Amino acid sequence: MRHRWLLIGVCGWVLFFLIFGSRFFSLSRRALDVYVGKPETQSWTPSTTKDVKSHTALEWGKRTPAPGNQPSGGPSPADPSEWQSVVMQRLELLRSFCSNSSLRNLTHTPLSKFILDRIFVCDKHKILFCQTPKVGNTQWKKVLIVLNGAFPTVKEIPENVVHDHEKNGLPRLSSFSASERTHRLSTYFKFFIVRDPFERLISAFKDKFLQNPRFEPWYKHDIAPAIIRKYRKGRSSDGAPGLRFEDFVRYLGDPAHQRLDRQFGDHIIHWVTYVELCAPCDIDYDVVGHHETLEHDAPYVLRAAGIDRLVSYPAIPPGITHYNRTKVERYFLGISKRDVRRLYARFLGDFILFGYERPGFLLD
């Protein structure tokens, strides 16, 4: 009798683990599919696919967007101090993904000179700002120029001076010795701003290859032809003489994009990932602001850095920071799912580190 009850108990535990394990696997698999797409639809590089599939325990698909990333813009506190909980939640999300070893290829990068060149220094107020083009970067540089004493107010800074690094008085972190860099990285207030990765790429494409307001002819005359030669072979040009967004997407999603990146030099800063620009998992930033909620993030950064009484962030035109899904859909219209999924694979680190929703309307 005793052995019979023992056998029944063992069978019960086995049945329990079978049911529980099956349900856990099903939930994890479903969550992963929601975030990165079903496995059979992927066209990624082997290393990226391996990294993503091995991380089912995080159940990405169940995550809501990071605070403030909602299309509506998130909460609207009247006092910048009330925004602190949003900022802290964003940092917690960032650090949780940074600490996962299976995502290391997506989230970590060596602190090279390329990255140190992106970080501007304000020694007077002990601030480091990492440059992320196409997310209001120009305005933050104006703030630092004023803090460094080159001009008394933001309005008095000539536009042609902001990006002239010999005249704007903004030293880069790369200009300091190793010990000086270490000291600043460990003690200064550090921040940068992000934006929906795909919308940022659209902004970079428009600014550099269509509008080119600052007359930087190398984008149209050198970079665009190189991309067209490599990625429009055997495809109809549709009468388009210049670079098309489809060509741009194909270049960025190519696993071998580094060959052209090396040819283009530092000009790639307008479209490489935030991971490649600012090393968010290798530098302990105090604030990561979001373009979509810049109206709240800008005053919070000024206050957190202790400079809110010394300088103001330039006025933000109404609606300019809101995520525009219609624009994104229009630009990606007609681009193959294969090319969009390759692009997403490249920028997956930027999506997950900063809580941006998977763009299922483009991928599925």
Protein backbone atom coordinates (compact mmCIF):
# COMPACT_ATOMS: atom_id res chain seq x y z
CA MET A 1 0.00 0.00 0.00
CA ARG A 2 2.78 2.40 0.92
CA HIS A 3 4.53 1.81 -2.43
CA ARG A 4 1.25 2.37 -4.26
CA TRP A 5 0.76 5.82 -2.67
CA LEU A 6 4.38 6.68 -3.37
CA LEU A 7 3.93 5.74 -7.03
CA ILE A 8 0.76 7.84 -7.28
CA GLY A 9 2.58 10.83 -5.74
CA VAL A 10 5.48 10.56 -8.16
CA CYS A 11 3.11 10.34 -11.14
CA GLY A 12 1.27 13.42 -9.88
CA TRP A 13 4.45 15.48 -9.69
CA VAL A 14 5.51 14.36 -13.17
CA LEU A 15 2.13 15.35 -14.57
CA PHE A 16 2.34 18.74 -12.83
CA PHE A 17 5.76 19.53 -14.28
CA LEU A 18 4.68 18.44 -17.76
CA ILE A 19 1.65 20.75 -17.71
CA PHE A 20 3.50 23.68 -16.12
CA GLY A 21 6.54 23.33 -18.38
CA SER A 22 4.40 23.14 -21.51
CA ARG A 23 2.45 26.23 -20.52
CA PHE A 24 5.61 28.19 -19.63
CA PHE A 25 7.25 27.33 -22.97
CA SER A 26 4.07 28.27 -24.84
CA LEU A 27 3.84 31.66 -23.12
CA SER A 28 7.52 32.43 -23.67
CA ARG A 29 7.38 31.41 -27.32
CA ARG A 30 4.25 33.48 -27.91
CA ALA A 31 5.80 36.51 -26.19
CA LEU A 32 8.93 36.29 -28.30
CA ASP A 33 6.92 35.93 -31.50
CA VAL A 34 4.94 39.06 -30.66
CA TYR A 35 8.09 41.15 -30.19
CA VAL A 36 10.42 39.91 -32.91
CA GLY A 37 8.05 38.11 -35.27
CA LYS A 38 7.49 34.41 -35.89
CA PRO A 39 10.72 32.49 -36.55
CA GLU A 40 9.72 31.31 -40.00
CA THR A 41 9.29 34.88 -41.22
CA GLN A 42 12.75 36.12 -40.24
CA SER A 43 15.53 36.95 -42.68
CA TRP A 44 18.20 37.88 -40.17
CA THR A 45 21.86 37.10 -39.86
CA PRO A 46 22.56 33.87 -37.92
CA SER A 47 24.20 35.65 -34.96
CA THR A 48 21.29 38.06 -34.49
CA THR A 49 18.68 35.30 -34.73
CA LYS A 50 20.56 33.24 -32.14
CA ASP A 51 20.75 36.17 -29.72
CA VAL A 52 17.04 36.88 -30.02
CA LYS A 53 15.79 33.29 -29.76
CA SER A 54 17.88 32.59 -26.67
CA HIS A 55 16.20 35.35 -24.71
CA THR A 56 12.66 34.03 -24.29
CA ALA A 57 12.66 34.41 -20.49
CA LEU A 58 12.28 38.19 -20.74
CA GLU A 59 8.93 37.74 -22.52
CA TRP A 60 9.44 40.88 -24.59
CA GLY A 61 6.04 40.68 -26.19
CA LYS A 62 4.33 41.29 -22.86
CA ARG A 63 6.21 44.53 -22.27
CA THR A 64 4.42 47.80 -22.73
CA PRO A 65 6.35 50.70 -24.28
CA ALA A 66 8.77 52.44 -21.96
CA PRO A 67 7.15 55.30 -20.03
CA GLY A 68 6.58 58.27 -22.27
CA ASN A 69 6.96 56.29 -25.52
CA GLN A 70 3.24 55.88 -26.07
CA PRO A 71 1.91 57.53 -29.26
CA SER A 72 -0.02 59.98 -27.08
CA GLY A 73 3.25 61.16 -25.51
CA GLY A 74 2.67 59.59 -22.11
CA PRO A 75 2.01 61.44 -18.87
CA SER A 76 2.21 65.21 -18.72
CA PRO A 77 3.49 66.34 -15.34
CA ALA A 78 3.51 70.04 -14.60
CA ASP A 79 6.69 69.85 -12.51
CA PRO A 80 9.92 68.37 -13.95
CA SER A 81 10.51 66.63 -10.62
CA GLU A 82 7.43 64.48 -11.28
CA TRP A 83 9.14 63.12 -14.40
CA GLN A 84 11.81 61.40 -12.34
CA SER A 85 9.87 58.13 -12.03
CA VAL A 86 9.65 57.94 -15.83
CA VAL A 87 13.39 58.53 -16.19
CA MET A 88 14.19 55.91 -13.54
CA GLN A 89 11.97 53.30 -15.19
CA ARG A 90 13.71 53.91 -18.50
CA LEU A 91 17.11 53.43 -16.89
CA GLU A 92 15.94 50.22 -15.18
CA LEU A 93 14.76 48.86 -18.51
CA LEU A 94 18.05 49.80 -20.15
CA ARG A 95 20.15 48.18 -17.43
CA SER A 96 18.07 45.00 -17.38
CA PHE A 97 18.80 44.37 -21.06
CA CYS A 98 22.41 45.49 -20.76
CA SER A 99 23.01 42.91 -18.05
CA ASN A 100 21.77 40.01 -20.17
CA SER A 101 24.74 38.18 -21.63
CA SER A 102 22.76 36.61 -24.48
CA LEU A 103 22.14 40.08 -25.95
CA ARG A 104 25.71 41.29 -25.69
CA ASN A 105 26.27 41.45 -29.44
CA LEU A 106 23.29 43.79 -29.74
CA THR A 107 23.86 45.99 -26.72
CA HIS A 108 27.58 46.38 -26.03
CA THR A 109 30.36 48.08 -27.97
CA PRO A 110 33.98 49.01 -27.17
CA LEU A 111 34.66 52.61 -26.13
CA SER A 112 36.46 53.53 -29.34
CA LYS A 113 37.60 56.95 -30.49
CA PHE A 114 34.50 57.05 -32.70
CA ILE A 115 32.31 57.01 -29.57
CA LEU A 116 34.53 59.36 -27.57
CA ASP A 117 34.31 61.83 -30.47
CA ARG A 118 30.53 61.86 -30.06
CA ILE A 119 30.66 62.97 -26.41
CA PHE A 120 30.90 66.71 -25.77
CA VAL A 121 32.31 68.07 -22.53
CA CYS A 122 31.31 70.98 -20.33
CA ASP A 123 33.97 71.07 -17.60
CA LYS A 124 32.59 74.20 -15.99
CA HIS A 125 29.37 72.41 -15.01
CA LYS A 126 30.65 68.82 -15.16
CA ILE A 127 28.39 67.61 -17.97
CA LEU A 128 28.90 65.06 -20.75
CA PHE A 129 26.47 64.98 -23.68
CA CYS A 130 26.53 62.21 -26.28
CA GLN A 131 25.61 63.38 -29.75
CA THR A 132 22.75 61.48 -31.42
CA PRO A 133 21.95 63.25 -34.72
CA LYS A 134 18.34 63.72 -35.83
CA VAL A 135 16.88 63.88 -32.31
CA GLY A 136 17.24 67.58 -31.47
CA ASN A 137 20.99 67.28 -31.09
CA THR A 138 21.63 70.77 -32.50
CA GLN A 139 19.62 72.43 -29.73
CA TRP A 140 21.50 70.60 -26.97
CA LYS A 141 24.80 71.65 -28.50
CA LYS A 142 23.58 75.25 -28.31
CA VAL A 143 22.83 74.78 -24.61
CA LEU A 144 26.36 73.50 -23.98
CA ILE A 145 27.92 76.29 -26.06
CA VAL A 146 26.25 78.84 -23.79
CA LEU A 147 27.31 76.95 -20.65
CA ASN A 148 30.90 76.87 -21.87
CA GLY A 149 30.79 80.65 -22.22
CA ALA A 150 31.27 81.00 -25.99
CA PHE A 151 27.98 82.92 -26.34
CA PRO A 152 25.74 84.56 -23.72
CA THR A 153 22.41 83.11 -24.98
CA VAL A 154 21.17 80.39 -27.30
CA LYS A 155 19.56 82.92 -29.65
CA GLU A 156 22.87 84.67 -30.27
CA ILE A 157 24.65 81.58 -31.62
CA PRO A 158 24.99 81.70 -35.44
CA GLU A 159 23.77 78.52 -37.11
CA ASN A 160 27.04 78.07 -38.99
CA VAL A 161 28.94 77.99 -35.68
CA VAL A 162 26.94 75.22 -33.95
CA HIS A 163 28.50 72.40 -35.99
CA ASP A 164 31.89 74.02 -36.51
CA HIS A 165 33.90 72.28 -33.82
CA GLU A 166 36.78 74.71 -34.13
CA LYS A 167 34.56 77.68 -33.31
CA ASN A 168 31.79 76.43 -31.02
CA GLY A 169 34.00 75.88 -27.97
CA LEU A 170 32.82 72.30 -27.36
CA PRO A 171 35.69 69.92 -26.56
CA ARG A 172 35.17 66.22 -27.25
CA LEU A 173 35.93 63.57 -24.69
CA SER A 174 38.46 62.05 -27.09
CA SER A 175 40.65 65.15 -26.69
CA PHE A 176 41.48 64.24 -23.07
CA SER A 177 44.00 61.74 -21.72
CA ALA A 178 42.86 58.28 -20.63
CA SER A 179 42.89 59.21 -16.95
CA GLU A 180 41.03 62.47 -17.62
CA ARG A 181 38.39 60.58 -19.61
CA THR A 182 37.96 58.03 -16.83
CA HIS A 183 37.53 60.78 -14.25
CA ARG A 184 34.88 62.57 -16.29
CA LEU A 185 32.99 59.40 -17.14
CA SER A 186 32.82 58.40 -13.50
CA THR A 187 31.95 61.79 -11.96
CA TYR A 188 30.19 64.03 -14.52
CA PHE A 189 26.46 64.20 -15.28
CA LYS A 190 25.92 62.19 -18.48
CA PHE A 191 22.94 62.17 -20.84
CA PHE A 192 21.78 61.66 -24.40
CA ILE A 193 18.49 61.63 -26.33
CA VAL A 194 16.88 58.87 -28.40
CA ARG A 195 14.01 58.65 -30.87
CA ASP A 196 12.01 55.89 -32.54
CA PRO A 197 14.79 54.20 -34.58
CA PHE A 198 12.91 54.00 -37.88
CA GLU A 199 11.58 57.56 -37.67
CA ARG A 200 15.12 58.75 -36.99
CA LEU A 201 16.35 57.00 -40.15
CA ILE A 202 13.64 58.73 -42.18
CA SER A 203 14.73 62.09 -40.75
CA ALA A 204 18.37 61.36 -41.61
CA PHE A 205 17.46 60.35 -45.16
CA LYS A 206 15.37 63.48 -45.74
CA ASP A 207 17.92 65.83 -44.21
CA LYS A 208 21.06 64.49 -45.88
CA PHE A 209 19.87 63.15 -49.24
CA LEU A 210 16.77 65.19 -50.10
CA GLN A 211 16.88 68.60 -48.43
CA ASN A 212 20.52 69.04 -47.39
CA PRO A 213 19.91 72.48 -45.81
CA ARG A 214 23.50 73.03 -44.70
CA PHE A 215 24.87 72.23 -48.18
CA GLU A 216 26.92 69.16 -47.49
CA PRO A 217 27.38 68.02 -51.10
CA TRP A 218 29.24 64.81 -50.26
CA TYR A 219 25.99 63.10 -49.24
CA LYS A 220 24.48 63.48 -52.71
CA HIS A 221 27.65 63.37 -54.80
CA ASP A 222 29.72 60.71 -53.01
CA ILE A 223 27.68 58.66 -50.54
CA ALA A 224 24.41 58.34 -52.50
CA PRO A 225 26.09 57.09 -55.73
CA ALA A 226 28.09 54.50 -53.77
CA ILE A 227 24.90 53.11 -52.20
CA ILE A 228 23.07 53.10 -55.53
CA ARG A 229 25.88 51.26 -57.31
CA LYS A 230 25.89 48.50 -54.71
CA TYR A 231 22.20 48.11 -53.91
CA ARG A 232 20.29 49.01 -57.07
CA LYS A 233 21.96 46.50 -59.39
CA GLY A 234 19.45 44.68 -61.55
CA ARG A 235 16.54 46.69 -60.13
CA SER A 236 14.41 49.22 -61.93
CA SER A 237 15.33 52.79 -61.14
CA ASP A 238 11.75 53.97 -61.78
CA GLY A 239 13.23 57.11 -63.27
CA ALA A 240 14.67 58.12 -59.88
CA PRO A 241 18.15 59.59 -60.43
CA GLY A 242 18.94 60.10 -56.74
CA LEU A 243 19.04 57.85 -53.72
CA ARG A 244 15.71 56.27 -52.83
CA PHE A 245 14.70 55.32 -49.31
CA GLU A 246 14.54 51.70 -50.46
CA ASP A 247 18.23 51.84 -51.42
CA PHE A 248 19.04 53.38 -48.05
CA VAL A 249 17.15 50.64 -46.17
CA ARG A 250 18.85 47.90 -48.16
CA TYR A 251 22.28 49.37 -47.35
CA LEU A 252 21.57 49.72 -43.63
CA GLY A 253 20.14 46.22 -43.32
CA ASP A 254 22.99 44.55 -45.16
CA PRO A 255 25.04 42.40 -42.74
CA ALA A 256 28.12 43.60 -44.67
CA HIS A 257 27.29 47.30 -44.35
CA GLN A 258 30.63 47.96 -42.60
CA ARG A 259 32.43 48.00 -45.94
CA LEU A 260 30.61 51.15 -47.01
CA ASP A 261 30.61 52.54 -43.47
CA ARG A 262 34.40 52.59 -43.50
CA GLN A 263 34.34 54.37 -46.85
CA PHE A 264 31.87 57.01 -45.57
CA GLY A 265 33.80 57.74 -42.37
CA ASP A 266 32.20 59.85 -39.63
CA HIS A 267 29.29 60.81 -41.91
CA ILE A 268 27.58 57.60 -40.78
CA ILE A 269 26.80 59.18 -37.40
CA HIS A 270 23.45 60.29 -38.82
CA TRP A 271 22.19 56.72 -39.22
CA VAL A 272 24.20 54.26 -37.11
CA THR A 273 22.63 52.79 -33.97
CA TYR A 274 22.54 54.46 -30.57
CA VAL A 275 24.61 51.55 -29.31
CA GLU A 276 27.35 52.41 -31.82
CA LEU A 277 27.12 56.13 -31.07
CA CYS A 278 26.91 56.32 -27.28
CA ALA A 279 27.65 52.86 -25.82
CA PRO A 280 24.65 53.01 -23.43
CA CYS A 281 25.53 49.64 -21.87
CA ASP A 282 29.18 50.57 -21.34
CA ILE A 283 28.73 54.11 -19.99
CA ASP A 284 26.54 54.69 -16.94
CA TYR A 285 24.31 57.53 -18.15
CA ASP A 286 22.25 59.54 -15.67
CA VAL A 287 19.42 60.38 -18.08
CA VAL A 288 18.29 59.03 -21.43
CA GLY A 289 15.73 61.47 -22.79
CA HIS A 290 13.25 60.66 -25.55
CA HIS A 291 12.47 62.89 -28.51
CA GLU A 292 8.79 61.95 -28.26
CA THR A 293 8.58 63.53 -24.78
CA LEU A 294 11.20 66.24 -25.17
CA GLU A 295 8.81 68.81 -23.70
CA HIS A 296 9.23 66.98 -20.37
CA ASP A 297 12.72 65.59 -20.78
CA ALA A 298 14.44 68.88 -21.65
CA PRO A 299 13.47 70.71 -18.43
CA TYR A 300 14.19 67.55 -16.43
CA VAL A 301 17.73 67.29 -17.84
CA LEU A 302 18.43 70.96 -17.11
CA ARG A 303 17.21 70.57 -13.56
CA ALA A 304 19.01 67.26 -12.93
CA ALA A 305 22.26 68.75 -14.23
CA GLY A 306 21.81 71.83 -12.01
CA ILE A 307 21.77 74.31 -14.89
CA ASP A 308 18.06 75.14 -15.16
CA ARG A 309 18.64 78.67 -13.85
CA LEU A 310 21.55 79.31 -16.20
CA VAL A 311 20.17 78.37 -19.60
CA SER A 312 16.91 77.37 -21.28
CA TYR A 313 16.28 74.77 -23.94
CA PRO A 314 15.10 76.45 -27.18
CA ALA A 315 11.35 76.57 -27.78
CA ILE A 316 9.94 73.33 -29.22
CA PRO A 317 7.48 73.82 -32.13
CA PRO A 318 4.08 72.23 -31.36
CA GLY A 319 3.71 68.65 -32.58
CA ILE A 320 7.25 68.31 -33.92
CA THR A 321 8.23 65.62 -31.42
CA HIS A 322 5.17 63.39 -31.81
CA TYR A 323 5.68 59.98 -33.41
CA ASN A 324 4.17 60.01 -36.92
CA ARG A 325 3.13 56.50 -37.89
CA THR A 326 1.53 57.70 -41.12
CA LYS A 327 4.85 59.14 -42.27
CA VAL A 328 6.66 55.91 -41.37
CA GLU A 329 4.14 53.82 -43.30
CA ARG A 330 4.44 56.10 -46.32
CA TYR A 331 8.22 55.86 -46.46
CA PHE A 332 8.25 52.08 -46.06
CA LEU A 333 5.47 51.52 -48.59
CA GLY A 334 6.64 49.14 -51.31
CA ILE A 335 9.82 48.06 -49.49
CA SER A 336 10.06 44.27 -49.23
CA LYS A 337 9.41 42.54 -45.91
CA ARG A 338 12.82 40.92 -46.24
CA ASP A 339 14.58 44.29 -46.37
CA VAL A 340 12.50 45.74 -43.51
CA ARG A 341 13.21 42.71 -41.32
CA ARG A 342 16.92 42.97 -42.00
CA LEU A 343 16.80 46.64 -41.04
CA TYR A 344 14.91 45.79 -37.86
CA ALA A 345 17.46 43.11 -37.01
CA ARG A 346 20.24 45.68 -37.21
CA PHE A 347 18.40 48.19 -34.99
CA LEU A 348 16.86 45.64 -32.62
CA GLY A 349 19.21 46.73 -29.83
CA ASP A 350 17.92 50.30 -30.09
CA PHE A 351 14.31 49.14 -29.98
CA ILE A 352 14.63 46.94 -26.90
CA LEU A 353 17.07 49.05 -24.86
CA PHE A 354 14.85 52.13 -25.00
CA GLY A 355 11.41 50.54 -24.92
CA TYR A 356 10.27 51.25 -28.45
CA GLU A 357 7.50 49.00 -29.69
CA ARG A 358 8.21 46.43 -32.36
CA PRO A 359 6.79 47.92 -35.63
CA GLY A 360 4.57 44.97 -36.43
CA PHE A 361 2.66 47.01 -39.02
CA LEU A 362 5.84 46.95 -41.14
CA LEU A 363 7.22 43.51 -40.29
CA ASP A 364 4.19 41.19 -40.32
